[in-house]
């Protein structure tokens, strides 16, 4: 579910992973992507710029979500190896 969110609303995926400091640059990329897609001064250029910023935001979000999942699996494995708390 987080990967799906990372593709379509990348800042939200980072908030779901509680990566607050990763959220800020990703939100900036997301806003730049929408501005690039919304401006119609030079349609092709703004479309390419908007798509570029969107792709950067998606790649960033997918990498952060992947690292979050990896860290979570690692913590679960360590908890299983250590056993129950006494």
N, C-alpha and C. Protein backbone atom coordinates (compact mmCIF):
# COMPACT_ATOMS: atom_id res chain seq x y z
N UNK A 1 0.82 -1.18 0.00
CA UNK A 1 0.00 0.00 0.00
C UNK A 1 0.87 1.27 0.00
N UNK A 2 1.98 1.22 0.73
CA UNK A 2 2.86 2.39 0.76
C UNK A 2 3.52 2.64 -0.59
N UNK A 3 3.82 1.57 -1.32
CA UNK A 3 4.42 1.76 -2.64
C UNK A 3 3.42 2.41 -3.59
N UNK A 4 2.17 2.00 -3.52
CA UNK A 4 1.11 2.60 -4.34
C UNK A 4 0.99 4.08 -4.01
N UNK A 5 1.01 4.40 -2.74
CA UNK A 5 0.93 5.79 -2.31
C UNK A 5 2.18 6.55 -2.74
N UNK A 6 3.32 5.90 -2.72
CA UNK A 6 4.57 6.56 -3.12
C UNK A 6 4.55 6.96 -4.60
N UNK A 7 3.85 6.20 -5.41
CA UNK A 7 3.79 6.53 -6.83
C UNK A 7 2.84 7.69 -7.10
N UNK A 8 1.71 7.71 -6.43
CA UNK A 8 0.71 8.72 -6.75
C UNK A 8 0.74 9.95 -5.85
N UNK A 9 1.02 9.78 -4.57
CA UNK A 9 1.10 10.91 -3.63
C UNK A 9 2.33 10.66 -2.76
N UNK A 10 3.49 10.96 -3.32
CA UNK A 10 4.74 10.60 -2.66
C UNK A 10 4.92 11.23 -1.28
N UNK A 11 4.56 12.49 -1.03
CA UNK A 11 4.74 13.02 0.32
C UNK A 11 3.91 12.28 1.37
N UNK A 12 2.73 11.84 1.00
CA UNK A 12 1.89 11.10 1.94
C UNK A 12 2.53 9.78 2.33
N UNK A 13 3.19 9.12 1.40
CA UNK A 13 3.88 7.87 1.71
C UNK A 13 4.97 8.08 2.75
N UNK A 14 5.65 9.20 2.67
CA UNK A 14 6.70 9.49 3.64
C UNK A 14 6.12 9.82 5.01
N UNK A 15 4.96 10.47 5.02
CA UNK A 15 4.30 10.72 6.30
C UNK A 15 3.83 9.42 6.94
N UNK A 16 3.35 8.48 6.12
CA UNK A 16 2.92 7.19 6.64
C UNK A 16 4.08 6.40 7.24
N UNK A 17 5.28 6.64 6.72
CA UNK A 17 6.48 5.98 7.25
C UNK A 17 7.11 6.77 8.39
N UNK A 18 6.52 7.90 8.74
CA UNK A 18 7.02 8.79 9.79
C UNK A 18 8.44 9.28 9.51
N UNK A 19 8.69 9.63 8.27
CA UNK A 19 9.97 10.21 7.88
C UNK A 19 9.76 11.70 7.64
N UNK A 20 9.75 12.45 8.75
CA UNK A 20 9.39 13.86 8.70
C UNK A 20 10.40 14.69 7.91
N UNK A 21 11.68 14.44 8.08
CA UNK A 21 12.68 15.24 7.40
C UNK A 21 12.84 14.86 5.94
N UNK A 22 12.40 13.68 5.56
CA UNK A 22 12.37 13.29 4.16
C UNK A 22 11.14 13.85 3.46
N UNK A 23 10.12 14.13 4.25
CA UNK A 23 8.86 14.65 3.72
C UNK A 23 9.04 16.03 3.11
N UNK A 24 9.84 16.88 3.73
CA UNK A 24 9.96 18.28 3.29
C UNK A 24 10.55 18.39 1.87
N UNK A 25 11.70 17.78 1.56
CA UNK A 25 12.19 17.90 0.18
C UNK A 25 11.28 17.20 -0.83
N UNK A 26 10.63 16.12 -0.40
CA UNK A 26 9.73 15.43 -1.31
C UNK A 26 8.50 16.27 -1.60
N UNK A 27 8.00 16.98 -0.60
CA UNK A 27 6.87 17.88 -0.82
C UNK A 27 7.27 18.98 -1.78
N UNK A 28 8.49 19.49 -1.67
CA UNK A 28 8.97 20.51 -2.59
C UNK A 28 9.00 19.97 -4.03
N UNK A 29 9.50 18.76 -4.21
CA UNK A 29 9.50 18.14 -5.54
C UNK A 29 8.09 17.95 -6.06
N UNK A 30 7.18 17.56 -5.18
CA UNK A 30 5.78 17.32 -5.57
C UNK A 30 5.12 18.62 -6.01
N UNK A 31 5.37 19.69 -5.27
CA UNK A 31 4.79 21.00 -5.64
C UNK A 31 5.39 21.49 -6.95
N UNK A 32 6.70 21.34 -7.13
CA UNK A 32 7.33 21.74 -8.39
C UNK A 32 6.79 20.94 -9.57
N UNK A 33 6.51 19.67 -9.34
CA UNK A 33 5.95 18.84 -10.41
C UNK A 33 4.56 19.34 -10.80
N UNK A 34 3.73 19.64 -9.82
CA UNK A 34 2.39 20.14 -10.13
C UNK A 34 2.43 21.51 -10.77
N UNK A 35 3.35 22.36 -10.33
CA UNK A 35 3.49 23.67 -10.98
C UNK A 35 3.95 23.52 -12.42
N UNK A 36 4.88 22.61 -12.64
CA UNK A 36 5.35 22.36 -14.00
C UNK A 36 4.26 21.82 -14.90
N UNK A 37 3.38 21.00 -14.34
CA UNK A 37 2.29 20.45 -15.13
C UNK A 37 1.16 21.46 -15.32
N UNK A 38 1.00 22.37 -14.37
CA UNK A 38 -0.12 23.31 -14.42
C UNK A 38 0.16 24.52 -15.30
N UNK A 39 1.41 24.96 -15.37
CA UNK A 39 1.73 26.14 -16.17
C UNK A 39 1.64 25.81 -17.65
N UNK A 40 1.07 26.72 -18.42
CA UNK A 40 0.86 26.45 -19.84
C UNK A 40 1.57 27.48 -20.71
N UNK A 41 2.69 28.02 -20.24
CA UNK A 41 3.41 29.00 -21.05
C UNK A 41 4.05 28.31 -22.25
N UNK A 42 4.84 27.31 -21.99
CA UNK A 42 5.41 26.47 -23.04
C UNK A 42 5.00 25.04 -22.72
N UNK A 43 3.90 24.57 -23.28
CA UNK A 43 3.31 23.30 -22.83
C UNK A 43 4.27 22.12 -22.80
N UNK A 44 5.06 21.93 -23.85
CA UNK A 44 5.93 20.76 -23.87
C UNK A 44 7.03 20.86 -22.83
N UNK A 45 7.63 22.04 -22.70
CA UNK A 45 8.72 22.21 -21.75
C UNK A 45 8.22 22.02 -20.32
N UNK A 46 7.08 22.62 -19.99
CA UNK A 46 6.57 22.49 -18.63
C UNK A 46 6.13 21.07 -18.35
N UNK A 47 5.63 20.38 -19.35
CA UNK A 47 5.24 18.98 -19.17
C UNK A 47 6.46 18.13 -18.85
N UNK A 48 7.55 18.36 -19.56
CA UNK A 48 8.77 17.60 -19.32
C UNK A 48 9.35 17.92 -17.95
N UNK A 49 9.36 19.21 -17.60
CA UNK A 49 9.88 19.62 -16.29
C UNK A 49 9.01 19.03 -15.17
N UNK A 50 7.69 19.11 -15.33
CA UNK A 50 6.78 18.55 -14.33
C UNK A 50 6.96 17.05 -14.18
N UNK A 51 7.09 16.35 -15.30
CA UNK A 51 7.29 14.90 -15.26
C UNK A 51 8.63 14.55 -14.62
N UNK A 52 9.64 15.37 -14.87
CA UNK A 52 10.96 15.14 -14.29
C UNK A 52 10.92 15.26 -12.77
N UNK A 53 10.30 16.34 -12.26
CA UNK A 53 10.21 16.51 -10.81
C UNK A 53 9.32 15.45 -10.18
N UNK A 54 8.26 15.05 -10.88
CA UNK A 54 7.40 13.98 -10.36
C UNK A 54 8.18 12.68 -10.26
N UNK A 55 8.94 12.36 -11.30
CA UNK A 55 9.73 11.12 -11.29
C UNK A 55 10.78 11.14 -10.18
N UNK A 56 11.43 12.29 -9.97
CA UNK A 56 12.40 12.40 -8.87
C UNK A 56 11.73 12.16 -7.52
N UNK A 57 10.55 12.74 -7.33
CA UNK A 57 9.82 12.56 -6.08
C UNK A 57 9.40 11.12 -5.87
N UNK A 58 8.97 10.46 -6.93
CA UNK A 58 8.54 9.06 -6.82
C UNK A 58 9.73 8.16 -6.49
N UNK A 59 10.84 8.37 -7.17
CA UNK A 59 12.03 7.55 -6.90
C UNK A 59 12.48 7.76 -5.46
N UNK A 60 12.49 8.99 -5.01
CA UNK A 60 12.88 9.29 -3.63
C UNK A 60 11.94 8.60 -2.65
N UNK A 61 10.63 8.69 -2.89
CA UNK A 61 9.66 8.09 -1.98
C UNK A 61 9.77 6.57 -1.97
N UNK A 62 9.95 5.96 -3.12
CA UNK A 62 10.07 4.50 -3.19
C UNK A 62 11.32 4.03 -2.44
N UNK A 63 12.42 4.76 -2.59
CA UNK A 63 13.64 4.39 -1.87
C UNK A 63 13.46 4.52 -0.36
N UNK A 64 12.79 5.56 0.09
CA UNK A 64 12.57 5.75 1.52
C UNK A 64 11.62 4.69 2.06
N UNK A 65 10.56 4.37 1.32
CA UNK A 65 9.62 3.32 1.76
C UNK A 65 10.33 1.97 1.80
N UNK A 66 11.18 1.70 0.82
CA UNK A 66 11.93 0.45 0.81
C UNK A 66 12.85 0.36 2.03
N UNK A 67 13.53 1.44 2.35
CA UNK A 67 14.40 1.46 3.53
C UNK A 67 13.59 1.29 4.81
N UNK A 68 12.41 1.90 4.87
CA UNK A 68 11.53 1.76 6.04
C UNK A 68 11.12 0.30 6.22
N UNK A 69 10.72 -0.36 5.13
CA UNK A 69 10.33 -1.77 5.22
C UNK A 69 11.51 -2.65 5.63
N UNK A 70 12.68 -2.34 5.11
CA UNK A 70 13.88 -3.10 5.46
C UNK A 70 14.21 -2.94 6.93
N UNK A 71 14.13 -1.71 7.44
CA UNK A 71 14.40 -1.46 8.86
C UNK A 71 13.38 -2.17 9.75
N UNK A 72 12.12 -2.15 9.33
CA UNK A 72 11.07 -2.81 10.12
C UNK A 72 11.30 -4.31 10.19
N UNK A 73 11.65 -4.93 9.04
CA UNK A 73 11.95 -6.37 9.04
C UNK A 73 13.16 -6.67 9.92
N UNK A 74 14.15 -5.80 9.88
CA UNK A 74 15.35 -6.00 10.70
C UNK A 74 15.01 -5.94 12.19
N UNK A 75 14.19 -4.97 12.59
CA UNK A 75 13.78 -4.87 14.00
C UNK A 75 12.99 -6.10 14.43
N UNK A 76 12.11 -6.60 13.55
CA UNK A 76 11.33 -7.79 13.89
C UNK A 76 12.23 -9.01 14.04
N UNK A 77 13.22 -9.13 13.18
CA UNK A 77 14.15 -10.25 13.26
C UNK A 77 14.98 -10.18 14.55
N UNK A 78 15.44 -8.99 14.90
CA UNK A 78 16.19 -8.84 16.14
C UNK A 78 15.33 -9.17 17.36
N UNK A 79 14.08 -8.76 17.33
CA UNK A 79 13.17 -9.06 18.44
C UNK A 79 12.93 -10.57 18.54
N UNK A 80 12.86 -11.25 17.41
CA UNK A 80 12.65 -12.70 17.43
C UNK A 80 13.88 -13.43 17.94
N UNK A 81 15.05 -12.94 17.58
CA UNK A 81 16.30 -13.58 18.02
C UNK A 81 16.52 -13.37 19.52
N UNK A 82 16.22 -12.17 20.00
CA UNK A 82 16.42 -11.87 21.42
C UNK A 82 15.42 -12.60 22.31
N UNK A 83 14.29 -12.93 21.76
CA UNK A 83 13.29 -13.66 22.55
C UNK A 83 12.39 -12.72 23.31
N UNK A 84 11.49 -13.29 24.09
CA UNK A 84 10.55 -12.45 24.84
C UNK A 84 11.25 -11.67 25.95
N UNK A 85 10.71 -10.49 26.25
CA UNK A 85 11.26 -9.67 27.31
C UNK A 85 10.86 -10.25 28.66
N UNK A 86 11.79 -10.15 29.61
CA UNK A 86 11.50 -10.71 30.95
C UNK A 86 11.12 -9.65 31.91
